[in-house]
């Protein structure tokens, strides 16, 4: 699978998961969910152009975006785990791992 396909797959997965989190988590988790929304926004900025980036520039252009999204997800996960929403934390951890694996492949 190409880098751009994996990037889009990660974005789709995060968007789907955040919708479920909004449905299942209480309003007290709004700050954590906002961080996940920011991660989605970070990734959406490159969604259209990711397939047009030359292979040699992929690492340079995608790494900062992926790292920012990963950082937001990590902060959200920690916040959720502090509030004992461990299942949501595990879900976000899996999303972080998808980003981490893509970063490693760059």
N, C-alpha and C. Protein backbone atom coordinates (compact mmCIF):
# COMPACT_ATOMS: atom_id res chain seq x y z
N UNK A 1 0.84 -1.17 0.00
CA UNK A 1 0.00 0.00 0.00
C UNK A 1 0.89 1.24 0.00
N UNK A 2 0.52 2.22 -0.78
CA UNK A 2 1.33 3.43 -0.90
C UNK A 2 1.23 4.29 0.37
N UNK A 3 2.20 5.17 0.50
CA UNK A 3 2.22 6.09 1.64
C UNK A 3 0.95 6.94 1.64
N UNK A 4 0.56 7.45 0.49
CA UNK A 4 -0.63 8.31 0.44
C UNK A 4 -1.89 7.53 0.79
N UNK A 5 -1.98 6.28 0.38
CA UNK A 5 -3.13 5.45 0.74
C UNK A 5 -3.17 5.19 2.24
N UNK A 6 -2.02 4.90 2.81
CA UNK A 6 -1.96 4.67 4.26
C UNK A 6 -2.30 5.95 5.02
N UNK A 7 -1.81 7.08 4.54
CA UNK A 7 -2.11 8.37 5.16
C UNK A 7 -3.62 8.59 5.19
N UNK A 8 -4.26 8.38 4.05
CA UNK A 8 -5.70 8.58 3.96
C UNK A 8 -6.46 7.56 4.81
N UNK A 9 -5.95 6.36 4.89
CA UNK A 9 -6.56 5.33 5.72
C UNK A 9 -6.51 5.73 7.20
N UNK A 10 -5.38 6.25 7.63
CA UNK A 10 -5.23 6.72 9.01
C UNK A 10 -6.22 7.85 9.29
N UNK A 11 -6.30 8.80 8.38
CA UNK A 11 -7.23 9.91 8.55
C UNK A 11 -8.67 9.41 8.65
N UNK A 12 -9.06 8.50 7.78
CA UNK A 12 -10.41 7.95 7.82
C UNK A 12 -10.67 7.23 9.14
N UNK A 13 -9.69 6.47 9.60
CA UNK A 13 -9.84 5.72 10.85
C UNK A 13 -10.02 6.67 12.03
N UNK A 14 -9.21 7.73 12.07
CA UNK A 14 -9.32 8.69 13.16
C UNK A 14 -10.67 9.40 13.12
N UNK A 15 -11.11 9.78 11.93
CA UNK A 15 -12.41 10.46 11.81
C UNK A 15 -13.54 9.55 12.28
N UNK A 16 -13.50 8.28 11.91
CA UNK A 16 -14.53 7.34 12.35
C UNK A 16 -14.49 7.14 13.86
N UNK A 17 -13.29 6.98 14.38
CA UNK A 17 -13.15 6.73 15.82
C UNK A 17 -13.56 7.94 16.65
N UNK A 18 -13.25 9.13 16.19
CA UNK A 18 -13.62 10.32 16.97
C UNK A 18 -15.14 10.48 17.00
N UNK A 19 -15.81 10.11 15.93
CA UNK A 19 -17.28 10.16 15.94
C UNK A 19 -17.84 9.22 17.00
N UNK A 20 -17.28 8.02 17.08
CA UNK A 20 -17.74 7.06 18.10
C UNK A 20 -17.41 7.55 19.51
N UNK A 21 -16.24 8.18 19.67
CA UNK A 21 -15.87 8.69 20.98
C UNK A 21 -16.84 9.78 21.43
N UNK A 22 -17.23 10.65 20.51
CA UNK A 22 -18.19 11.70 20.87
C UNK A 22 -19.53 11.09 21.31
N UNK A 23 -19.90 9.98 20.69
CA UNK A 23 -21.16 9.33 21.04
C UNK A 23 -21.11 8.62 22.39
N UNK A 24 -19.94 8.10 22.75
CA UNK A 24 -19.86 7.25 23.93
C UNK A 24 -19.30 7.93 25.18
N UNK A 25 -18.51 8.95 25.00
CA UNK A 25 -17.85 9.58 26.16
C UNK A 25 -18.68 10.74 26.71
N UNK A 26 -18.56 10.99 28.00
CA UNK A 26 -19.32 12.10 28.60
C UNK A 26 -18.75 13.46 28.21
N UNK A 27 -19.52 14.48 28.50
CA UNK A 27 -19.12 15.85 28.16
C UNK A 27 -17.85 16.29 28.89
N UNK A 28 -17.51 15.64 29.97
CA UNK A 28 -16.31 16.02 30.73
C UNK A 28 -15.03 15.74 29.96
N UNK A 29 -15.13 15.00 28.87
CA UNK A 29 -13.95 14.68 28.07
C UNK A 29 -13.79 15.61 26.87
N UNK A 30 -14.50 16.71 26.88
CA UNK A 30 -14.50 17.62 25.73
C UNK A 30 -13.10 18.11 25.35
N UNK A 31 -12.26 18.40 26.34
CA UNK A 31 -10.90 18.88 26.03
C UNK A 31 -10.10 17.82 25.31
N UNK A 32 -10.20 16.60 25.76
CA UNK A 32 -9.46 15.50 25.12
C UNK A 32 -9.97 15.28 23.71
N UNK A 33 -11.28 15.31 23.53
CA UNK A 33 -11.85 15.11 22.20
C UNK A 33 -11.50 16.26 21.27
N UNK A 34 -11.37 17.44 21.81
CA UNK A 34 -10.95 18.58 20.99
C UNK A 34 -9.54 18.37 20.46
N UNK A 35 -8.68 17.77 21.27
CA UNK A 35 -7.32 17.46 20.80
C UNK A 35 -7.35 16.46 19.64
N UNK A 36 -8.25 15.50 19.72
CA UNK A 36 -8.39 14.54 18.61
C UNK A 36 -8.90 15.27 17.37
N UNK A 37 -9.83 16.19 17.55
CA UNK A 37 -10.31 17.00 16.42
C UNK A 37 -9.18 17.79 15.78
N UNK A 38 -8.31 18.35 16.60
CA UNK A 38 -7.17 19.12 16.08
C UNK A 38 -6.24 18.20 15.29
N UNK A 39 -6.04 16.98 15.77
CA UNK A 39 -5.21 16.02 15.03
C UNK A 39 -5.83 15.73 13.66
N UNK A 40 -7.14 15.58 13.63
CA UNK A 40 -7.83 15.35 12.35
C UNK A 40 -7.62 16.54 11.42
N UNK A 41 -7.77 17.75 11.96
CA UNK A 41 -7.58 18.94 11.14
C UNK A 41 -6.16 19.02 10.59
N UNK A 42 -5.18 18.68 11.42
CA UNK A 42 -3.77 18.67 10.97
C UNK A 42 -3.61 17.73 9.78
N UNK A 43 -4.19 16.54 9.89
CA UNK A 43 -4.05 15.56 8.82
C UNK A 43 -4.85 15.94 7.58
N UNK A 44 -6.02 16.54 7.77
CA UNK A 44 -6.85 16.92 6.64
C UNK A 44 -6.18 17.97 5.75
N UNK A 45 -5.33 18.79 6.34
CA UNK A 45 -4.65 19.83 5.56
C UNK A 45 -3.83 19.24 4.42
N UNK A 46 -3.30 18.03 4.61
CA UNK A 46 -2.47 17.41 3.57
C UNK A 46 -3.21 16.32 2.79
N UNK A 47 -4.44 16.06 3.12
CA UNK A 47 -5.17 14.94 2.52
C UNK A 47 -5.23 15.01 1.00
N UNK A 48 -5.54 16.15 0.47
CA UNK A 48 -5.67 16.29 -0.98
C UNK A 48 -4.33 16.20 -1.70
N UNK A 49 -3.31 16.75 -1.12
CA UNK A 49 -2.03 16.85 -1.82
C UNK A 49 -1.06 15.72 -1.52
N UNK A 50 -1.39 14.84 -0.60
CA UNK A 50 -0.43 13.80 -0.20
C UNK A 50 -0.03 12.90 -1.38
N UNK A 51 -0.93 12.64 -2.27
CA UNK A 51 -0.62 11.79 -3.42
C UNK A 51 0.23 12.46 -4.48
N UNK A 52 0.34 13.77 -4.41
CA UNK A 52 1.10 14.53 -5.40
C UNK A 52 2.52 14.85 -4.96
N UNK A 53 2.86 14.52 -3.73
CA UNK A 53 4.19 14.82 -3.20
C UNK A 53 5.19 13.82 -3.77
N UNK A 54 6.26 14.29 -4.38
CA UNK A 54 7.27 13.35 -4.90
C UNK A 54 7.86 12.50 -3.76
N UNK A 55 8.17 11.27 -4.07
CA UNK A 55 8.65 10.31 -3.07
C UNK A 55 9.83 10.88 -2.26
N UNK A 56 10.71 11.59 -2.92
CA UNK A 56 11.90 12.11 -2.26
C UNK A 56 11.56 13.17 -1.21
N UNK A 57 10.39 13.81 -1.34
CA UNK A 57 10.00 14.87 -0.41
C UNK A 57 8.98 14.41 0.64
N UNK A 58 8.55 13.17 0.56
CA UNK A 58 7.52 12.69 1.48
C UNK A 58 7.92 12.86 2.95
N UNK A 59 9.11 12.42 3.28
CA UNK A 59 9.53 12.50 4.69
C UNK A 59 9.54 13.96 5.16
N UNK A 60 10.08 14.82 4.35
CA UNK A 60 10.21 16.24 4.71
C UNK A 60 8.84 16.91 4.89
N UNK A 61 7.89 16.56 4.04
CA UNK A 61 6.58 17.24 4.07
C UNK A 61 5.60 16.58 5.03
N UNK A 62 5.63 15.25 5.14
CA UNK A 62 4.64 14.57 5.96
C UNK A 62 5.03 14.40 7.43
N UNK A 63 6.31 14.26 7.69
CA UNK A 63 6.74 14.02 9.07
C UNK A 63 6.24 15.08 10.06
N UNK A 64 6.38 16.37 9.75
CA UNK A 64 5.89 17.37 10.72
C UNK A 64 4.38 17.26 10.98
N UNK A 65 3.63 16.99 9.94
CA UNK A 65 2.17 16.86 10.08
C UNK A 65 1.83 15.64 10.92
N UNK A 66 2.48 14.52 10.62
CA UNK A 66 2.22 13.30 11.37
C UNK A 66 2.65 13.43 12.83
N UNK A 67 3.77 14.08 13.07
CA UNK A 67 4.25 14.26 14.44
C UNK A 67 3.30 15.15 15.25
N UNK A 68 2.77 16.21 14.63
CA UNK A 68 1.82 17.08 15.33
C UNK A 68 0.55 16.32 15.67
N UNK A 69 0.04 15.55 14.71
CA UNK A 69 -1.17 14.77 14.95
C UNK A 69 -0.93 13.73 16.04
N UNK A 70 0.22 13.08 15.99
CA UNK A 70 0.57 12.08 17.01
C UNK A 70 0.62 12.72 18.39
N UNK A 71 1.21 13.90 18.48
CA UNK A 71 1.33 14.60 19.77
C UNK A 71 -0.05 14.95 20.32
N UNK A 72 -0.95 15.42 19.47
CA UNK A 72 -2.31 15.75 19.92
C UNK A 72 -3.04 14.50 20.40
N UNK A 73 -2.90 13.42 19.65
CA UNK A 73 -3.55 12.17 20.05
C UNK A 73 -2.98 11.66 21.37
N UNK A 74 -1.68 11.79 21.54
CA UNK A 74 -1.06 11.32 22.77
C UNK A 74 -1.56 12.12 23.97
N UNK A 75 -1.66 13.41 23.83
CA UNK A 75 -2.19 14.24 24.92
C UNK A 75 -3.64 13.88 25.24
N UNK A 76 -4.43 13.64 24.19
CA UNK A 76 -5.83 13.24 24.40
C UNK A 76 -5.90 11.90 25.12
N UNK A 77 -5.05 10.97 24.72
CA UNK A 77 -5.03 9.64 25.36
C UNK A 77 -4.71 9.75 26.84
N UNK A 78 -3.70 10.54 27.16
CA UNK A 78 -3.31 10.70 28.57
C UNK A 78 -4.46 11.32 29.37
N UNK A 79 -5.11 12.32 28.81
CA UNK A 79 -6.23 12.95 29.50
C UNK A 79 -7.37 11.95 29.74
N UNK A 80 -7.67 11.15 28.73
CA UNK A 80 -8.74 10.18 28.86
C UNK A 80 -8.40 9.10 29.89
N UNK A 81 -7.16 8.67 29.88
CA UNK A 81 -6.74 7.65 30.85
C UNK A 81 -6.76 8.19 32.27
N UNK A 82 -6.45 9.47 32.45
CA UNK A 82 -6.52 10.09 33.78
C UNK A 82 -7.95 10.10 34.30
N UNK A 83 -8.91 10.18 33.39
CA UNK A 83 -10.32 10.19 33.76
C UNK A 83 -10.91 8.77 33.73
N UNK A 84 -10.02 7.77 33.67
CA UNK A 84 -10.42 6.36 33.69
C UNK A 84 -11.26 5.92 32.50
N UNK A 85 -11.04 6.52 31.37
CA UNK A 85 -11.67 6.08 30.12
C UNK A 85 -10.63 5.26 29.35
N UNK A 86 -10.31 4.11 29.94
CA UNK A 86 -9.21 3.29 29.43
C UNK A 86 -9.48 2.71 28.05
N UNK A 87 -10.72 2.33 27.75
CA UNK A 87 -11.02 1.79 26.42
C UNK A 87 -10.80 2.84 25.34
N UNK A 88 -11.23 4.07 25.62
CA UNK A 88 -10.99 5.15 24.66
C UNK A 88 -9.50 5.41 24.53
N UNK A 89 -8.78 5.34 25.65
CA UNK A 89 -7.33 5.51 25.62
C UNK A 89 -6.66 4.45 24.76
N UNK A 90 -7.11 3.21 24.89
CA UNK A 90 -6.55 2.13 24.08
C UNK A 90 -6.83 2.35 22.60
N UNK A 91 -8.03 2.83 22.31
CA UNK A 91 -8.39 3.11 20.92
C UNK A 91 -7.47 4.17 20.33
N UNK A 92 -7.24 5.24 21.08
CA UNK A 92 -6.35 6.30 20.60
C UNK A 92 -4.92 5.80 20.50
N UNK A 93 -4.50 4.93 21.41
CA UNK A 93 -3.16 4.36 21.36
C UNK A 93 -2.96 3.61 20.04
N UNK A 94 -3.97 2.88 19.59
CA UNK A 94 -3.88 2.16 18.32
C UNK A 94 -3.73 3.13 17.15
N UNK A 95 -4.43 4.26 17.21
CA UNK A 95 -4.29 5.28 16.17
C UNK A 95 -2.89 5.86 16.17
N UNK A 96 -2.36 6.11 17.36
CA UNK A 96 -0.99 6.61 17.48
C UNK A 96 0.00 5.64 16.85
N UNK A 97 -0.23 4.36 17.07
CA UNK A 97 0.68 3.34 16.53
C UNK A 97 0.62 3.31 15.01
N UNK A 98 -0.56 3.54 14.43
CA UNK A 98 -0.67 3.60 12.97
C UNK A 98 0.18 4.76 12.43
N UNK A 99 0.10 5.89 13.09
CA UNK A 99 0.90 7.05 12.68
C UNK A 99 2.38 6.76 12.85
N UNK A 100 2.74 6.16 13.97
CA UNK A 100 4.13 5.84 14.26
C UNK A 100 4.71 4.90 13.19
N UNK A 101 3.95 3.88 12.81
CA UNK A 101 4.44 2.95 11.77
C UNK A 101 4.62 3.65 10.43
N UNK A 102 3.71 4.56 10.10
CA UNK A 102 3.86 5.31 8.85
C UNK A 102 5.09 6.21 8.92
N UNK A 103 5.31 6.84 10.04
CA UNK A 103 6.53 7.66 10.21
C UNK A 103 7.79 6.82 10.03
N UNK A 104 7.79 5.64 10.59
CA UNK A 104 8.95 4.75 10.44
C UNK A 104 9.19 4.37 8.99
N UNK A 105 8.13 4.21 8.23
CA UNK A 105 8.27 3.82 6.83
C UNK A 105 8.70 4.98 5.92
N UNK A 106 8.56 6.18 6.42
CA UNK A 106 8.99 7.33 5.61
C UNK A 106 10.50 7.34 5.55
